[in-house]
Every structure is written in C-alpha cells, then in structure tokens.
Amino acid sequence: MTGLPSNVVRIADYLPPPPPRRKRQKSQYELYPLPFFNAKIGVAGCTWDVKPSGNYGDDCKTGEAYAIEFLKSCDGTNGWASLLTAIVRDMIGAGSAGTWPDGGVRINGVVVGFMGTIGQVLCISAFSRVHS
C-alpha cells in the first residue's frame, strides 16, 4: 500500500509463505494405459470396460492377453497393487454375459481368461516361494 508510514506493521510480513503447489498426480488411467480401462465412463472411470465377442474360446484368449498386459504393467507401487480390486469390482458391476436357455448364468469368457491367468501366476509365485 502506498502512502503508509514506514513504521506500520503489515500482517503479510509475518505470515508464512503459502505451501508450494502440488504437481497434479497422474490418474491410474494415465499410469497404466491398459486396453480394458476406460477413463471416460462415469465419474471415476471404469477399470473393466469389455464387451465379450460371443465366442467363448476367443474371449478366453482375450482375457489371458489382458491379464498378461496387466501383470506387465506392475510397477511395485501400492497404487498398482490396489488395481486388481478395482478391476474385479468393475467386472462384477458389468454383470454376466447373459443367461443360457435353461436360465443359467452365462460366464464371460474374457473374465474367465483374465482371472484364470492371474490365478496361475499366483500359484506359480506361491509355489516358488514355498519351495525355494
């Protein structure tokens, strides 16, 4: 302020400096650009945006490939470790692949391939730890 005497105390002179601005953190969709992620769905995005083709065998192979891509994206962080929970949550939210004529639930082959591959990797990892 101009015109104030030099002996006037200003509060701003005694306030701590503002904290530095934090750098915007990347979202999980930016950190892990996986083919089954869709950041544009809903408020928080979707970690399992997959439509089965209808060919169970091909869908299982797609699921296996998605699981391998997911595992290759592992960076050892807690953020990555929590991704599987979000993926399974969104798989459940996506529902089944419909029903069979007898009313039974049709299982989504992409989910089966994905989770089967994750299960195999967990078994191999656990076995190697126990037997090493």
C-alpha atoms as a PDB file:
ATOM      1  CA  MET A   1       0.000   0.000   0.000  1.00  0.00           C
ATOM      2  CA  THR A   2       1.340   3.373  -0.846  1.00  0.00           C
ATOM      3  CA  GLY A   3       1.264   6.289   1.496  1.00  0.00           C
ATOM      4  CA  LEU A   4       1.696   4.260   4.727  1.00  0.00           C
ATOM      5  CA  PRO A   5       4.419   5.325   7.095  1.00  0.00           C
ATOM      6  CA  SER A   6       7.467   3.043   7.185  1.00  0.00           C
ATOM      7  CA  ASN A   7       6.814   2.095  10.817  1.00  0.00           C
ATOM      8  CA  VAL A   8       3.419   0.452  10.045  1.00  0.00           C
ATOM      9  CA  VAL A   9       3.442  -3.308  10.585  1.00  0.00           C
ATOM     10  CA  ARG A  10       1.794  -5.340   7.853  1.00  0.00           C
ATOM     11  CA  ILE A  11       0.338  -8.753   8.700  1.00  0.00           C
ATOM     12  CA  ALA A  12       1.517 -10.135   5.378  1.00  0.00           C
ATOM     13  CA  ASP A  13       5.103  -9.624   6.532  1.00  0.00           C
ATOM     14  CA  TYR A  14       4.550 -12.187   9.331  1.00  0.00           C
ATOM     15  CA  LEU A  15       2.522 -14.857   7.571  1.00  0.00           C
ATOM     16  CA  PRO A  16       4.312 -17.997   6.481  1.00  0.00           C
ATOM     17  CA  PRO A  17       4.730 -18.354   2.755  1.00  0.00           C
ATOM     18  CA  PRO A  18       1.991 -20.333   1.034  1.00  0.00           C
ATOM     19  CA  PRO A  19       2.777 -24.009   0.539  1.00  0.00           C
ATOM     20  CA  PRO A  20       4.167 -24.878  -2.861  1.00  0.00           C
ATOM     21  CA  ARG A  21       1.586 -26.028  -5.362  1.00  0.00           C
ATOM     22  CA  ARG A  22       1.479 -29.776  -5.621  1.00  0.00           C
ATOM     23  CA  LYS A  23       2.068 -31.266  -9.003  1.00  0.00           C
ATOM     24  CA  ARG A  24      -1.058 -32.946 -10.321  1.00  0.00           C
ATOM     25  CA  GLN A  25      -0.806 -36.693  -9.821  1.00  0.00           C
ATOM     26  CA  LYS A  26      -1.433 -38.897 -12.812  1.00  0.00           C
ATOM     27  CA  SER A  27      -4.592 -40.974 -12.726  1.00  0.00           C
ATOM     28  CA  GLN A  28      -4.485 -44.765 -12.843  1.00  0.00           C
ATOM     29  CA  TYR A  29      -5.667 -44.493 -16.432  1.00  0.00           C
ATOM     30  CA  GLU A  30      -2.623 -42.382 -17.313  1.00  0.00           C
ATOM     31  CA  LEU A  31      -0.189 -44.508 -15.292  1.00  0.00           C
ATOM     32  CA  TYR A  32      -1.480 -47.828 -16.613  1.00  0.00           C
ATOM     33  CA  PRO A  33      -2.971 -47.386 -20.102  1.00  0.00           C
ATOM     34  CA  LEU A  34      -4.465 -50.868 -20.222  1.00  0.00           C
ATOM     35  CA  PRO A  35      -6.702 -51.882 -23.139  1.00  0.00           C
ATOM     36  CA  PHE A  36      -9.679 -52.653 -20.883  1.00  0.00           C
ATOM     37  CA  PHE A  37      -9.627 -49.348 -18.977  1.00  0.00           C
ATOM     38  CA  ASN A  38     -11.982 -46.519 -19.885  1.00  0.00           C
ATOM     39  CA  ALA A  39     -11.427 -43.236 -18.054  1.00  0.00           C
ATOM     40  CA  LYS A  40     -14.466 -41.664 -19.719  1.00  0.00           C
ATOM     41  CA  ILE A  41     -17.150 -43.808 -18.074  1.00  0.00           C
ATOM     42  CA  GLY A  42     -18.851 -42.364 -15.004  1.00  0.00           C
ATOM     43  CA  VAL A  43     -17.265 -40.032 -12.520  1.00  0.00           C
ATOM     44  CA  ALA A  44     -14.296 -42.226 -11.613  1.00  0.00           C
ATOM     45  CA  GLY A  45     -13.876 -44.108 -14.882  1.00  0.00           C
ATOM     46  CA  CYS A  46     -14.040 -47.851 -15.337  1.00  0.00           C
ATOM     47  CA  THR A  47     -11.270 -50.401 -14.974  1.00  0.00           C
ATOM     48  CA  TRP A  48     -13.162 -53.134 -16.851  1.00  0.00           C
ATOM     49  CA  ASP A  49     -14.869 -51.900 -20.000  1.00  0.00           C
ATOM     50  CA  VAL A  50     -15.012 -55.114 -22.012  1.00  0.00           C
ATOM     51  CA  LYS A  51     -17.687 -56.474 -24.297  1.00  0.00           C
ATOM     52  CA  PRO A  52     -17.338 -60.203 -24.981  1.00  0.00           C
ATOM     53  CA  SER A  53     -17.378 -61.197 -28.651  1.00  0.00           C
ATOM     54  CA  GLY A  54     -19.676 -64.134 -28.021  1.00  0.00           C
ATOM     55  CA  ASN A  55     -17.018 -66.675 -28.988  1.00  0.00           C
ATOM     56  CA  TYR A  56     -16.062 -68.183 -25.632  1.00  0.00           C
ATOM     57  CA  GLY A  57     -12.663 -69.518 -26.760  1.00  0.00           C
ATOM     58  CA  ASP A  58     -11.633 -66.236 -28.371  1.00  0.00           C
ATOM     59  CA  ASP A  59     -12.883 -64.325 -25.339  1.00  0.00           C
ATOM     60  CA  CYS A  60     -10.796 -66.516 -23.008  1.00  0.00           C
ATOM     61  CA  LYS A  61      -7.706 -65.771 -25.121  1.00  0.00           C
ATOM     62  CA  THR A  62      -8.507 -62.058 -24.970  1.00  0.00           C
ATOM     63  CA  GLY A  63      -8.806 -62.307 -21.183  1.00  0.00           C
ATOM     64  CA  GLU A  64      -5.438 -64.082 -20.974  1.00  0.00           C
ATOM     65  CA  ALA A  65      -3.823 -61.346 -23.078  1.00  0.00           C
ATOM     66  CA  TYR A  66      -5.400 -58.646 -20.882  1.00  0.00           C
ATOM     67  CA  ALA A  67      -4.083 -60.352 -17.737  1.00  0.00           C
ATOM     68  CA  ILE A  68      -0.575 -60.504 -19.182  1.00  0.00           C
ATOM     69  CA  GLU A  69      -0.728 -56.796 -20.059  1.00  0.00           C
ATOM     70  CA  PHE A  70      -1.965 -56.054 -16.539  1.00  0.00           C
ATOM     71  CA  LEU A  71       0.865 -58.063 -14.955  1.00  0.00           C
ATOM     72  CA  LYS A  72       3.467 -56.440 -17.222  1.00  0.00           C
ATOM     73  CA  SER A  73       2.299 -53.024 -16.014  1.00  0.00           C
ATOM     74  CA  CYS A  74       3.317 -53.846 -12.424  1.00  0.00           C
ATOM     75  CA  ASP A  75       5.472 -51.076 -11.046  1.00  0.00           C
ATOM     76  CA  GLY A  76       5.576 -52.323  -7.445  1.00  0.00           C
ATOM     77  CA  THR A  77       3.571 -49.415  -6.032  1.00  0.00           C
ATOM     78  CA  ASN A  78       0.632 -49.596  -3.644  1.00  0.00           C
ATOM     79  CA  GLY A  79      -1.438 -47.910  -6.343  1.00  0.00           C
ATOM     80  CA  TRP A  80      -0.790 -50.759  -8.744  1.00  0.00           C
ATOM     81  CA  ALA A  81      -1.428 -53.346  -6.039  1.00  0.00           C
ATOM     82  CA  SER A  82      -4.917 -51.945  -5.489  1.00  0.00           C
ATOM     83  CA  LEU A  83      -5.834 -52.111  -9.180  1.00  0.00           C
ATOM     84  CA  LEU A  84      -6.907 -55.756  -9.131  1.00  0.00           C
ATOM     85  CA  THR A  85      -9.534 -54.919  -6.517  1.00  0.00           C
ATOM     86  CA  ALA A  86     -10.929 -52.159  -8.731  1.00  0.00           C
ATOM     87  CA  ILE A  87     -10.844 -54.404 -11.804  1.00  0.00           C
ATOM     88  CA  VAL A  88     -12.742 -57.209 -10.055  1.00  0.00           C
ATOM     89  CA  ARG A  89     -15.244 -54.691  -8.673  1.00  0.00           C
ATOM     90  CA  ASP A  90     -15.919 -53.411 -12.183  1.00  0.00           C
ATOM     91  CA  MET A  91     -16.092 -56.972 -13.557  1.00  0.00           C
ATOM     92  CA  ILE A  92     -18.825 -57.722 -11.034  1.00  0.00           C
ATOM     93  CA  GLY A  93     -20.579 -54.472 -11.883  1.00  0.00           C
ATOM     94  CA  ALA A  94     -20.521 -55.351 -15.578  1.00  0.00           C
ATOM     95  CA  GLY A  95     -22.521 -58.487 -14.838  1.00  0.00           C
ATOM     96  CA  SER A  96     -22.650 -61.791 -16.619  1.00  0.00           C
ATOM     97  CA  ALA A  97     -22.681 -62.441 -20.348  1.00  0.00           C
ATOM     98  CA  GLY A  98     -26.405 -63.159 -20.172  1.00  0.00           C
ATOM     99  CA  THR A  99     -28.217 -66.403 -19.498  1.00  0.00           C
ATOM    100  CA  TRP A 100     -28.481 -69.782 -21.162  1.00  0.00           C
ATOM    101  CA  PRO A 101     -31.858 -71.020 -22.447  1.00  0.00           C
ATOM    102  CA  ASP A 102     -32.273 -73.009 -19.203  1.00  0.00           C
ATOM    103  CA  GLY A 103     -31.876 -69.795 -17.173  1.00  0.00           C
ATOM    104  CA  GLY A 104     -28.301 -70.495 -16.007  1.00  0.00           C
ATOM    105  CA  VAL A 105     -25.820 -67.642 -15.965  1.00  0.00           C
ATOM    106  CA  ARG A 106     -23.504 -67.398 -18.967  1.00  0.00           C
ATOM    107  CA  ILE A 107     -19.970 -66.739 -17.825  1.00  0.00           C
ATOM    108  CA  ASN A 108     -17.980 -64.042 -19.628  1.00  0.00           C
ATOM    109  CA  GLY A 109     -15.007 -65.755 -21.297  1.00  0.00           C
ATOM    110  CA  VAL A 110     -12.874 -62.613 -21.084  1.00  0.00           C
ATOM    111  CA  VAL A 111     -13.287 -62.625 -17.295  1.00  0.00           C
ATOM    112  CA  VAL A 112     -12.525 -66.364 -17.133  1.00  0.00           C
ATOM    113  CA  GLY A 113      -9.365 -65.957 -19.206  1.00  0.00           C
ATOM    114  CA  PHE A 114      -8.222 -62.941 -17.196  1.00  0.00           C
ATOM    115  CA  MET A 115      -8.841 -64.412 -13.755  1.00  0.00           C
ATOM    116  CA  GLY A 116      -7.532 -67.862 -14.771  1.00  0.00           C
ATOM    117  CA  THR A 117      -4.232 -66.308 -15.842  1.00  0.00           C
ATOM    118  CA  ILE A 118      -3.988 -64.233 -12.660  1.00  0.00           C
ATOM    119  CA  GLY A 119      -4.686 -67.395 -10.635  1.00  0.00           C
ATOM    120  CA  GLN A 120      -1.973 -69.349 -12.466  1.00  0.00           C
ATOM    121  CA  VAL A 121       0.582 -66.619 -11.826  1.00  0.00           C
ATOM    122  CA  LEU A 122      -0.352 -66.504  -8.137  1.00  0.00           C
ATOM    123  CA  CYS A 123       0.010 -70.284  -7.842  1.00  0.00           C
ATOM    124  CA  ILE A 124       3.407 -70.267  -9.542  1.00  0.00           C
ATOM    125  CA  SER A 125       4.576 -67.414  -7.333  1.00  0.00           C
ATOM    126  CA  ALA A 126       3.326 -69.033  -4.126  1.00  0.00           C
ATOM    127  CA  PHE A 127       4.773 -72.434  -5.092  1.00  0.00           C
ATOM    128  CA  SER A 128       8.183 -70.948  -5.864  1.00  0.00           C
ATOM    129  CA  ARG A 129       8.270 -69.097  -2.546  1.00  0.00           C
ATOM    130  CA  VAL A 130       7.305 -72.152  -0.530  1.00  0.00           C
ATOM    131  CA  HIS A 131       9.747 -74.445  -2.347  1.00  0.00           C
ATOM    132  CA  SER A 132      12.778 -72.204  -2.600  1.00  0.00           C
END
